[in-house]
Amino acid sequence: ISRDNAKNTVYLVMNTLKAEDTAVYYCAADSAEFRG
């Protein structure tokens, strides 16, 4: 997982995929600012 705050984008690179990775993938945000 990575993010580019200048582009307002978060990424998920998935390698060596398996059949069990089949799913709907959702992005989510936590609005509690500056969580450490």
ModelCIF file with pLDDT and N, C-alpha, C, O atoms, coordinates in Angstrom:
data_MODEL
#
_entry.id   MODEL 
#
_entity.id                         1 
_entity.type                       polymer 
_entity.pdbx_number_of_molecules   1 
#
_entity_poly.entity_id                      1 
_entity_poly.type                           'polypeptide(L)' 
_entity_poly.nstd_linkage                   no 
_entity_poly.nstd_monomer                   no 
_entity_poly.pdbx_seq_one_letter_code       ISRDNAKNTVYLVMNTLKAEDTAVYYCAADSAEFRG 
_entity_poly.pdbx_seq_one_letter_code_can   ISRDNAKNTVYLVMNTLKAEDTAVYYCAADSAEFRG 
_entity_poly.pdbx_strand_id                 A 
#
loop_
_entity_poly_seq.entity_id 
_entity_poly_seq.num 
_entity_poly_seq.mon_id 
_entity_poly_seq.hetero 
1 1  ILE n 
1 2  SER n 
1 3  ARG n 
1 4  ASP n 
1 5  ASN n 
1 6  ALA n 
1 7  LYS n 
1 8  ASN n 
1 9  THR n 
1 10 VAL n 
1 11 TYR n 
1 12 LEU n 
1 13 VAL n 
1 14 MET n 
1 15 ASN n 
1 16 THR n 
1 17 LEU n 
1 18 LYS n 
1 19 ALA n 
1 20 GLU n 
1 21 ASP n 
1 22 THR n 
1 23 ALA n 
1 24 VAL n 
1 25 TYR n 
1 26 TYR n 
1 27 CYS n 
1 28 ALA n 
1 29 ALA n 
1 30 ASP n 
1 31 SER n 
1 32 ALA n 
1 33 GLU n 
1 34 PHE n 
1 35 ARG n 
1 36 GLY n 
#
_struct_asym.id          A 
_struct_asym.entity_id   1 
#
loop_
_ma_qa_metric.id 
_ma_qa_metric.mode 
_ma_qa_metric.name 
_ma_qa_metric.software_group_id 
_ma_qa_metric.type 
1 global pLDDT . pLDDT 
2 local  pLDDT . pLDDT 
#
_ma_qa_metric_global.metric_id      1 
_ma_qa_metric_global.metric_value   96.50 
_ma_qa_metric_global.model_id       1 
_ma_qa_metric_global.ordinal_id     1 
#
loop_
_ma_qa_metric_local.label_asym_id 
_ma_qa_metric_local.label_comp_id 
_ma_qa_metric_local.label_seq_id 
_ma_qa_metric_local.metric_id 
_ma_qa_metric_local.metric_value 
_ma_qa_metric_local.model_id 
_ma_qa_metric_local.ordinal_id 
A ILE 1  2 98.00 1 1  
A SER 2  2 98.00 1 2  
A ARG 3  2 98.00 1 3  
A ASP 4  2 97.00 1 4  
A ASN 5  2 96.00 1 5  
A ALA 6  2 96.00 1 6  
A LYS 7  2 96.00 1 7  
A ASN 8  2 97.00 1 8  
A THR 9  2 98.00 1 9  
A VAL 10 2 98.00 1 10 
A TYR 11 2 98.00 1 11 
A LEU 12 2 98.00 1 12 
A VAL 13 2 98.00 1 13 
A MET 14 2 98.00 1 14 
A ASN 15 2 98.00 1 15 
A THR 16 2 98.00 1 16 
A LEU 17 2 98.00 1 17 
A LYS 18 2 97.00 1 18 
A ALA 19 2 96.00 1 19 
A GLU 20 2 96.00 1 20 
A ASP 21 2 98.00 1 21 
A THR 22 2 98.00 1 22 
A ALA 23 2 98.00 1 23 
A VAL 24 2 98.00 1 24 
A TYR 25 2 98.00 1 25 
A TYR 26 2 98.00 1 26 
A CYS 27 2 98.00 1 27 
A ALA 28 2 98.00 1 28 
A ALA 29 2 97.00 1 29 
A ASP 30 2 96.00 1 30 
A SER 31 2 91.00 1 31 
A ALA 32 2 92.00 1 32 
A GLU 33 2 91.00 1 33 
A PHE 34 2 93.00 1 34 
A ARG 35 2 91.00 1 35 
A GLY 36 2 92.00 1 36 
#
loop_
_atom_site.group_PDB 
_atom_site.id 
_atom_site.type_symbol 
_atom_site.label_atom_id 
_atom_site.label_alt_id 
_atom_site.label_comp_id 
_atom_site.label_asym_id 
_atom_site.label_entity_id 
_atom_site.label_seq_id 
_atom_site.pdbx_PDB_ins_code 
_atom_site.Cartn_x 
_atom_site.Cartn_y 
_atom_site.Cartn_z 
_atom_site.occupancy 
_atom_site.B_iso_or_equiv 
_atom_site.pdbx_formal_charge 
_atom_site.auth_seq_id 
_atom_site.auth_comp_id 
_atom_site.auth_asym_id 
_atom_site.auth_atom_id 
_atom_site.pdbx_PDB_model_num 
ATOM 1   N N  . ILE A 1 1  ? 0.857   -1.184  0.000  1.00 98.00 ? 1  ILE A N  1 
ATOM 2   C CA . ILE A 1 1  ? 0.000   0.000   0.000  1.00 98.00 ? 1  ILE A CA 1 
ATOM 3   C C  . ILE A 1 1  ? 0.895   1.236   0.000  1.00 98.00 ? 1  ILE A C  1 
ATOM 4   O O  . ILE A 1 1  ? 1.935   1.266   0.658  1.00 98.00 ? 1  ILE A O  1 
ATOM 5   N N  . SER A 1 2  ? 0.478   2.245   -0.742 1.00 98.00 ? 2  SER A N  1 
ATOM 6   C CA . SER A 1 2  ? 1.221   3.499   -0.785 1.00 98.00 ? 2  SER A CA 1 
ATOM 7   C C  . SER A 1 2  ? 0.246   4.627   -1.091 1.00 98.00 ? 2  SER A C  1 
ATOM 8   O O  . SER A 1 2  ? -0.915  4.386   -1.421 1.00 98.00 ? 2  SER A O  1 
ATOM 9   N N  . ARG A 1 3  ? 0.721   5.841   -0.981 1.00 98.00 ? 3  ARG A N  1 
ATOM 10  C CA . ARG A 1 3  ? -0.145  6.981   -1.257 1.00 98.00 ? 3  ARG A CA 1 
ATOM 11  C C  . ARG A 1 3  ? 0.663   8.120   -1.852 1.00 98.00 ? 3  ARG A C  1 
ATOM 12  O O  . ARG A 1 3  ? 1.867   8.241   -1.624 1.00 98.00 ? 3  ARG A O  1 
ATOM 13  N N  . ASP A 1 4  ? -0.022  8.945   -2.613 1.00 97.00 ? 4  ASP A N  1 
ATOM 14  C CA . ASP A 1 4  ? 0.553   10.162  -3.167 1.00 97.00 ? 4  ASP A CA 1 
ATOM 15  C C  . ASP A 1 4  ? -0.390  11.292  -2.779 1.00 97.00 ? 4  ASP A C  1 
ATOM 16  O O  . ASP A 1 4  ? -1.426  11.491  -3.413 1.00 97.00 ? 4  ASP A O  1 
ATOM 17  N N  . ASN A 1 5  ? -0.031  12.023  -1.745 1.00 96.00 ? 5  ASN A N  1 
ATOM 18  C CA . ASN A 1 5  ? -0.926  13.073  -1.248 1.00 96.00 ? 5  ASN A CA 1 
ATOM 19  C C  . ASN A 1 5  ? -1.075  14.229  -2.231 1.00 96.00 ? 5  ASN A C  1 
ATOM 20  O O  . ASN A 1 5  ? -2.089  14.927  -2.214 1.00 96.00 ? 5  ASN A O  1 
ATOM 21  N N  . ALA A 1 6  ? -0.097  14.435  -3.072 1.00 96.00 ? 6  ALA A N  1 
ATOM 22  C CA . ALA A 1 6  ? -0.196  15.489  -4.079 1.00 96.00 ? 6  ALA A CA 1 
ATOM 23  C C  . ALA A 1 6  ? -1.256  15.157  -5.128 1.00 96.00 ? 6  ALA A C  1 
ATOM 24  O O  . ALA A 1 6  ? -1.832  16.051  -5.749 1.00 96.00 ? 6  ALA A O  1 
ATOM 25  N N  . LYS A 1 7  ? -1.504  13.864  -5.315 1.00 96.00 ? 7  LYS A N  1 
ATOM 26  C CA . LYS A 1 7  ? -2.494  13.413  -6.297 1.00 96.00 ? 7  LYS A CA 1 
ATOM 27  C C  . LYS A 1 7  ? -3.790  12.932  -5.646 1.00 96.00 ? 7  LYS A C  1 
ATOM 28  O O  . LYS A 1 7  ? -4.697  12.463  -6.333 1.00 96.00 ? 7  LYS A O  1 
ATOM 29  N N  . ASN A 1 8  ? -3.873  13.049  -4.326 1.00 97.00 ? 8  ASN A N  1 
ATOM 30  C CA . ASN A 1 8  ? -5.068  12.567  -3.611 1.00 97.00 ? 8  ASN A CA 1 
ATOM 31  C C  . ASN A 1 8  ? -5.395  11.121  -3.955 1.00 97.00 ? 8  ASN A C  1 
ATOM 32  O O  . ASN A 1 8  ? -6.555  10.778  -4.184 1.00 97.00 ? 8  ASN A O  1 
ATOM 33  N N  . THR A 1 9  ? -4.378  10.284  -3.990 1.00 98.00 ? 9  THR A N  1 
ATOM 34  C CA . THR A 1 9  ? -4.561  8.916   -4.438 1.00 98.00 ? 9  THR A CA 1 
ATOM 35  C C  . THR A 1 9  ? -3.825  7.940   -3.525 1.00 98.00 ? 9  THR A C  1 
ATOM 36  O O  . THR A 1 9  ? -2.713  8.203   -3.066 1.00 98.00 ? 9  THR A O  1 
ATOM 37  N N  . VAL A 1 10 ? -4.474  6.815   -3.279 1.00 98.00 ? 10 VAL A N  1 
ATOM 38  C CA . VAL A 1 10 ? -3.843  5.716   -2.556 1.00 98.00 ? 10 VAL A CA 1 
ATOM 39  C C  . VAL A 1 10 ? -3.831  4.505   -3.487 1.00 98.00 ? 10 VAL A C  1 
ATOM 40  O O  . VAL A 1 10 ? -4.753  4.306   -4.279 1.00 98.00 ? 10 VAL A O  1 
ATOM 41  N N  . TYR A 1 11 ? -2.789  3.712   -3.380 1.00 98.00 ? 11 TYR A N  1 
ATOM 42  C CA . TYR A 1 11 ? -2.583  2.583   -4.282 1.00 98.00 ? 11 TYR A CA 1 
ATOM 43  C C  . TYR A 1 11 ? -2.469  1.272   -3.504 1.00 98.00 ? 11 TYR A C  1 
ATOM 44  O O  . TYR A 1 11 ? -2.113  1.253   -2.325 1.00 98.00 ? 11 TYR A O  1 
ATOM 45  N N  . LEU A 1 12 ? -2.778  0.198   -4.188 1.00 98.00 ? 12 LEU A N  1 
ATOM 46  C CA . LEU A 1 12 ? -2.511  -1.138  -3.667 1.00 98.00 ? 12 LEU A CA 1 
ATOM 47  C C  . LEU A 1 12 ? -1.925  -1.959  -4.809 1.00 98.00 ? 12 LEU A C  1 
ATOM 48  O O  . LEU A 1 12 ? -2.621  -2.290  -5.769 1.00 98.00 ? 12 LEU A O  1 
ATOM 49  N N  . VAL A 1 13 ? -0.653  -2.281  -4.698 1.00 98.00 ? 13 VAL A N  1 
ATOM 50  C CA . VAL A 1 13 ? -0.004  -3.143  -5.676 1.00 98.00 ? 13 VAL A CA 1 
ATOM 51  C C  . VAL A 1 13 ? -0.087  -4.570  -5.161 1.00 98.00 ? 13 VAL A C  1 
ATOM 52  O O  . VAL A 1 13 ? 0.324   -4.873  -4.040 1.00 98.00 ? 13 VAL A O  1 
ATOM 53  N N  . MET A 1 14 ? -0.621  -5.428  -5.995 1.00 98.00 ? 14 MET A N  1 
ATOM 54  C CA . MET A 1 14 ? -0.826  -6.824  -5.604 1.00 98.00 ? 14 MET A CA 1 
ATOM 55  C C  . MET A 1 14 ? -0.022  -7.715  -6.533 1.00 98.00 ? 14 MET A C  1 
ATOM 56  O O  . MET A 1 14 ? -0.241  -7.730  -7.744 1.00 98.00 ? 14 MET A O  1 
ATOM 57  N N  . ASN A 1 15 ? 0.904   -8.450  -5.959 1.00 98.00 ? 15 ASN A N  1 
ATOM 58  C CA . ASN A 1 15 ? 1.745   -9.373  -6.722 1.00 98.00 ? 15 ASN A CA 1 
ATOM 59  C C  . ASN A 1 15 ? 1.448   -10.821 -6.329 1.00 98.00 ? 15 ASN A C  1 
ATOM 60  O O  . ASN A 1 15 ? 0.843   -11.095 -5.292 1.00 98.00 ? 15 ASN A O  1 
ATOM 61  N N  . THR A 1 16 ? 1.885   -11.717 -7.172 1.00 98.00 ? 16 THR A N  1 
ATOM 62  C CA . THR A 1 16 ? 1.733   -13.156 -6.924 1.00 98.00 ? 16 THR A CA 1 
ATOM 63  C C  . THR A 1 16 ? 0.294   -13.475 -6.520 1.00 98.00 ? 16 THR A C  1 
ATOM 64  O O  . THR A 1 16 ? 0.045   -14.114 -5.498 1.00 98.00 ? 16 THR A O  1 
ATOM 65  N N  . LEU A 1 17 ? -0.622  -13.027 -7.328 1.00 98.00 ? 17 LEU A N  1 
ATOM 66  C CA . LEU A 1 17 ? -2.036  -13.181 -6.989 1.00 98.00 ? 17 LEU A CA 1 
ATOM 67  C C  . LEU A 1 17 ? -2.471  -14.640 -7.006 1.00 98.00 ? 17 LEU A C  1 
ATOM 68  O O  . LEU A 1 17 ? -1.998  -15.451 -7.802 1.00 98.00 ? 17 LEU A O  1 
ATOM 69  N N  . LYS A 1 18 ? -3.380  -14.936 -6.106 1.00 97.00 ? 18 LYS A N  1 
ATOM 70  C CA . LYS A 1 18 ? -3.915  -16.279 -5.945 1.00 97.00 ? 18 LYS A CA 1 
ATOM 71  C C  . LYS A 1 18 ? -5.423  -16.260 -6.185 1.00 97.00 ? 18 LYS A C  1 
ATOM 72  O O  . LYS A 1 18 ? -6.055  -15.205 -6.139 1.00 97.00 ? 18 LYS A O  1 
ATOM 73  N N  . ALA A 1 19 ? -5.982  -17.422 -6.438 1.00 96.00 ? 19 ALA A N  1 
ATOM 74  C CA . ALA A 1 19 ? -7.429  -17.507 -6.649 1.00 96.00 ? 19 ALA A CA 1 
ATOM 75  C C  . ALA A 1 19 ? -8.190  -16.970 -5.444 1.00 96.00 ? 19 ALA A C  1 
ATOM 76  O O  . ALA A 1 19 ? -9.258  -16.376 -5.598 1.00 96.00 ? 19 ALA A O  1 
ATOM 77  N N  . GLU A 1 20 ? -7.658  -17.171 -4.268 1.00 96.00 ? 20 GLU A N  1 
ATOM 78  C CA . GLU A 1 20 ? -8.344  -16.716 -3.047 1.00 96.00 ? 20 GLU A CA 1 
ATOM 79  C C  . GLU A 1 20 ? -8.289  -15.206 -2.853 1.00 96.00 ? 20 GLU A C  1 
ATOM 80  O O  . GLU A 1 20 ? -8.906  -14.685 -1.924 1.00 96.00 ? 20 GLU A O  1 
ATOM 81  N N  . ASP A 1 21 ? -7.570  -14.502 -3.705 1.00 98.00 ? 21 ASP A N  1 
ATOM 82  C CA . ASP A 1 21 ? -7.581  -13.040 -3.677 1.00 98.00 ? 21 ASP A CA 1 
ATOM 83  C C  . ASP A 1 21 ? -8.781  -12.471 -4.436 1.00 98.00 ? 21 ASP A C  1 
ATOM 84  O O  . ASP A 1 21 ? -9.027  -11.266 -4.396 1.00 98.00 ? 21 ASP A O  1 
ATOM 85  N N  . THR A 1 22 ? -9.512  -13.319 -5.111 1.00 98.00 ? 22 THR A N  1 
ATOM 86  C CA . THR A 1 22 ? -10.697 -12.876 -5.851 1.00 98.00 ? 22 THR A CA 1 
ATOM 87  C C  . THR A 1 22 ? -11.718 -12.266 -4.899 1.00 98.00 ? 22 THR A C  1 
ATOM 88  O O  . THR A 1 22 ? -12.153 -12.904 -3.940 1.00 98.00 ? 22 THR A O  1 
ATOM 89  N N  . ALA A 1 23 ? -12.090 -11.032 -5.179 1.00 98.00 ? 23 ALA A N  1 
ATOM 90  C CA . ALA A 1 23 ? -13.014 -10.301 -4.303 1.00 98.00 ? 23 ALA A CA 1 
ATOM 91  C C  . ALA A 1 23 ? -13.304 -8.940  -4.914 1.00 98.00 ? 23 ALA A C  1 
ATOM 92  O O  . ALA A 1 23 ? -12.673 -8.524  -5.886 1.00 98.00 ? 23 ALA A O  1 
ATOM 93  N N  . VAL A 1 24 ? -14.271 -8.261  -4.323 1.00 98.00 ? 24 VAL A N  1 
ATOM 94  C CA . VAL A 1 24 ? -14.440 -6.838  -4.591 1.00 98.00 ? 24 VAL A CA 1 
ATOM 95  C C  . VAL A 1 24 ? -13.554 -6.096  -3.604 1.00 98.00 ? 24 VAL A C  1 
ATOM 96  O O  . VAL A 1 24 ? -13.608 -6.340  -2.398 1.00 98.00 ? 24 VAL A O  1 
ATOM 97  N N  . TYR A 1 25 ? -12.741 -5.193  -4.122 1.00 98.00 ? 25 TYR A N  1 
ATOM 98  C CA . TYR A 1 25 ? -11.808 -4.429  -3.301 1.00 98.00 ? 25 TYR A CA 1 
ATOM 99  C C  . TYR A 1 25 ? -12.338 -3.013  -3.114 1.00 98.00 ? 25 TYR A C  1 
ATOM 100 O O  . TYR A 1 25 ? -12.729 -2.340  -4.067 1.00 98.00 ? 25 TYR A O  1 
ATOM 101 N N  . TYR A 1 26 ? -12.341 -2.585  -1.860 1.00 98.00 ? 26 TYR A N  1 
ATOM 102 C CA . TYR A 1 26 ? -12.871 -1.276  -1.498 1.00 98.00 ? 26 TYR A CA 1 
ATOM 103 C C  . TYR A 1 26 ? -11.788 -0.409  -0.869 1.00 98.00 ? 26 TYR A C  1 
ATOM 104 O O  . TYR A 1 26 ? -10.948 -0.875  -0.100 1.00 98.00 ? 26 TYR A O  1 
ATOM 105 N N  . CYS A 1 27 ? -11.842 0.847   -1.221 1.00 98.00 ? 27 CYS A N  1 
ATOM 106 C CA . CYS A 1 27 ? -11.001 1.849   -0.593 1.00 98.00 ? 27 CYS A CA 1 
ATOM 107 C C  . CYS A 1 27 ? -11.811 2.509   0.525  1.00 98.00 ? 27 CYS A C  1 
ATOM 108 O O  . CYS A 1 27 ? -13.022 2.688   0.398  1.00 98.00 ? 27 CYS A O  1 
ATOM 109 N N  . ALA A 1 28 ? -11.140 2.867   1.614  1.00 98.00 ? 28 ALA A N  1 
ATOM 110 C CA . ALA A 1 28 ? -11.828 3.507   2.722  1.00 98.00 ? 28 ALA A CA 1 
ATOM 111 C C  . ALA A 1 28 ? -10.949 4.579   3.340  1.00 98.00 ? 28 ALA A C  1 
ATOM 112 O O  . ALA A 1 28 ? -9.721  4.507   3.290  1.00 98.00 ? 28 ALA A O  1 
ATOM 113 N N  . ALA A 1 29 ? -11.601 5.574   3.921  1.00 97.00 ? 29 ALA A N  1 
ATOM 114 C CA . ALA A 1 29 ? -10.898 6.682   4.563  1.00 97.00 ? 29 ALA A CA 1 
ATOM 115 C C  . ALA A 1 29 ? -11.286 6.796   6.031  1.00 97.00 ? 29 ALA A C  1 
ATOM 116 O O  . ALA A 1 29 ? -12.430 6.550   6.414  1.00 97.00 ? 29 ALA A O  1 
ATOM 117 N N  . ASP A 1 30 ? -10.313 7.171   6.833  1.00 96.00 ? 30 ASP A N  1 
ATOM 118 C CA . ASP A 1 30 ? -10.507 7.423   8.270  1.00 96.00 ? 30 ASP A CA 1 
ATOM 119 C C  . ASP A 1 30 ? -10.364 8.919   8.483  1.00 96.00 ? 30 ASP A C  1 
ATOM 120 O O  . ASP A 1 30 ? -9.267  9.464   8.353  1.00 96.00 ? 30 ASP A O  1 
ATOM 121 N N  . SER A 1 31 ? -11.469 9.593   8.812  1.00 91.00 ? 31 SER A N  1 
ATOM 122 C CA . SER A 1 31 ? -11.451 11.058  8.882  1.00 91.00 ? 31 SER A CA 1 
ATOM 123 C C  . SER A 1 31 ? -10.897 11.613  10.182 1.00 91.00 ? 31 SER A C  1 
ATOM 124 O O  . SER A 1 31 ? -10.920 12.828  10.383 1.00 91.00 ? 31 SER A O  1 
ATOM 125 N N  . ALA A 1 32 ? -10.400 10.765  11.069 1.00 92.00 ? 32 ALA A N  1 
ATOM 126 C CA . ALA A 1 32 ? -9.692  11.263  12.248 1.00 92.00 ? 32 ALA A CA 1 
ATOM 127 C C  . ALA A 1 32 ? -8.320  11.721  11.780 1.00 92.00 ? 32 ALA A C  1 
ATOM 128 O O  . ALA A 1 32 ? -7.473  10.899  11.431 1.00 92.00 ? 32 ALA A O  1 
ATOM 129 N N  . GLU A 1 33 ? -8.103  13.014  11.771 1.00 91.00 ? 33 GLU A N  1 
ATOM 130 C CA . GLU A 1 33 ? -6.909  13.571  11.149 1.00 91.00 ? 33 GLU A CA 1 
ATOM 131 C C  . GLU A 1 33 ? -5.623  13.199  11.888 1.00 91.00 ? 33 GLU A C  1 
ATOM 132 O O  . GLU A 1 33 ? -5.572  13.126  13.116 1.00 91.00 ? 33 GLU A O  1 
ATOM 133 N N  . PHE A 1 34 ? -4.594  12.968  11.080 1.00 93.00 ? 34 PHE A N  1 
ATOM 134 C CA . PHE A 1 34 ? -3.236  12.771  11.573 1.00 93.00 ? 34 PHE A CA 1 
ATOM 135 C C  . PHE A 1 34 ? -3.113  11.594  12.542 1.00 93.00 ? 34 PHE A C  1 
ATOM 136 O O  . PHE A 1 34 ? -2.360  11.651  13.514 1.00 93.00 ? 34 PHE A O  1 
ATOM 137 N N  . ARG A 1 35 ? -3.859  10.537  12.264 1.00 91.00 ? 35 ARG A N  1 
ATOM 138 C CA . ARG A 1 35 ? -3.715  9.321   13.073 1.00 91.00 ? 35 ARG A CA 1 
ATOM 139 C C  . ARG A 1 35 ? -2.306  8.804   12.911 1.00 91.00 ? 35 ARG A C  1 
ATOM 140 O O  . ARG A 1 35 ? -1.797  8.720   11.793 1.00 91.00 ? 35 ARG A O  1 
ATOM 141 N N  . GLY A 1 36 ? -1.669  8.457   14.014 1.00 92.00 ? 36 GLY A N  1 
ATOM 142 C CA . GLY A 1 36 ? -0.264  8.085   13.982 1.00 92.00 ? 36 GLY A CA 1 
ATOM 143 C C  . GLY A 1 36 ? 0.017   6.623   13.711 1.00 92.00 ? 36 GLY A C  1 
ATOM 144 O O  . GLY A 1 36 ? 1.178   6.216   13.665 1.00 92.00 ? 36 GLY A O  1 
#
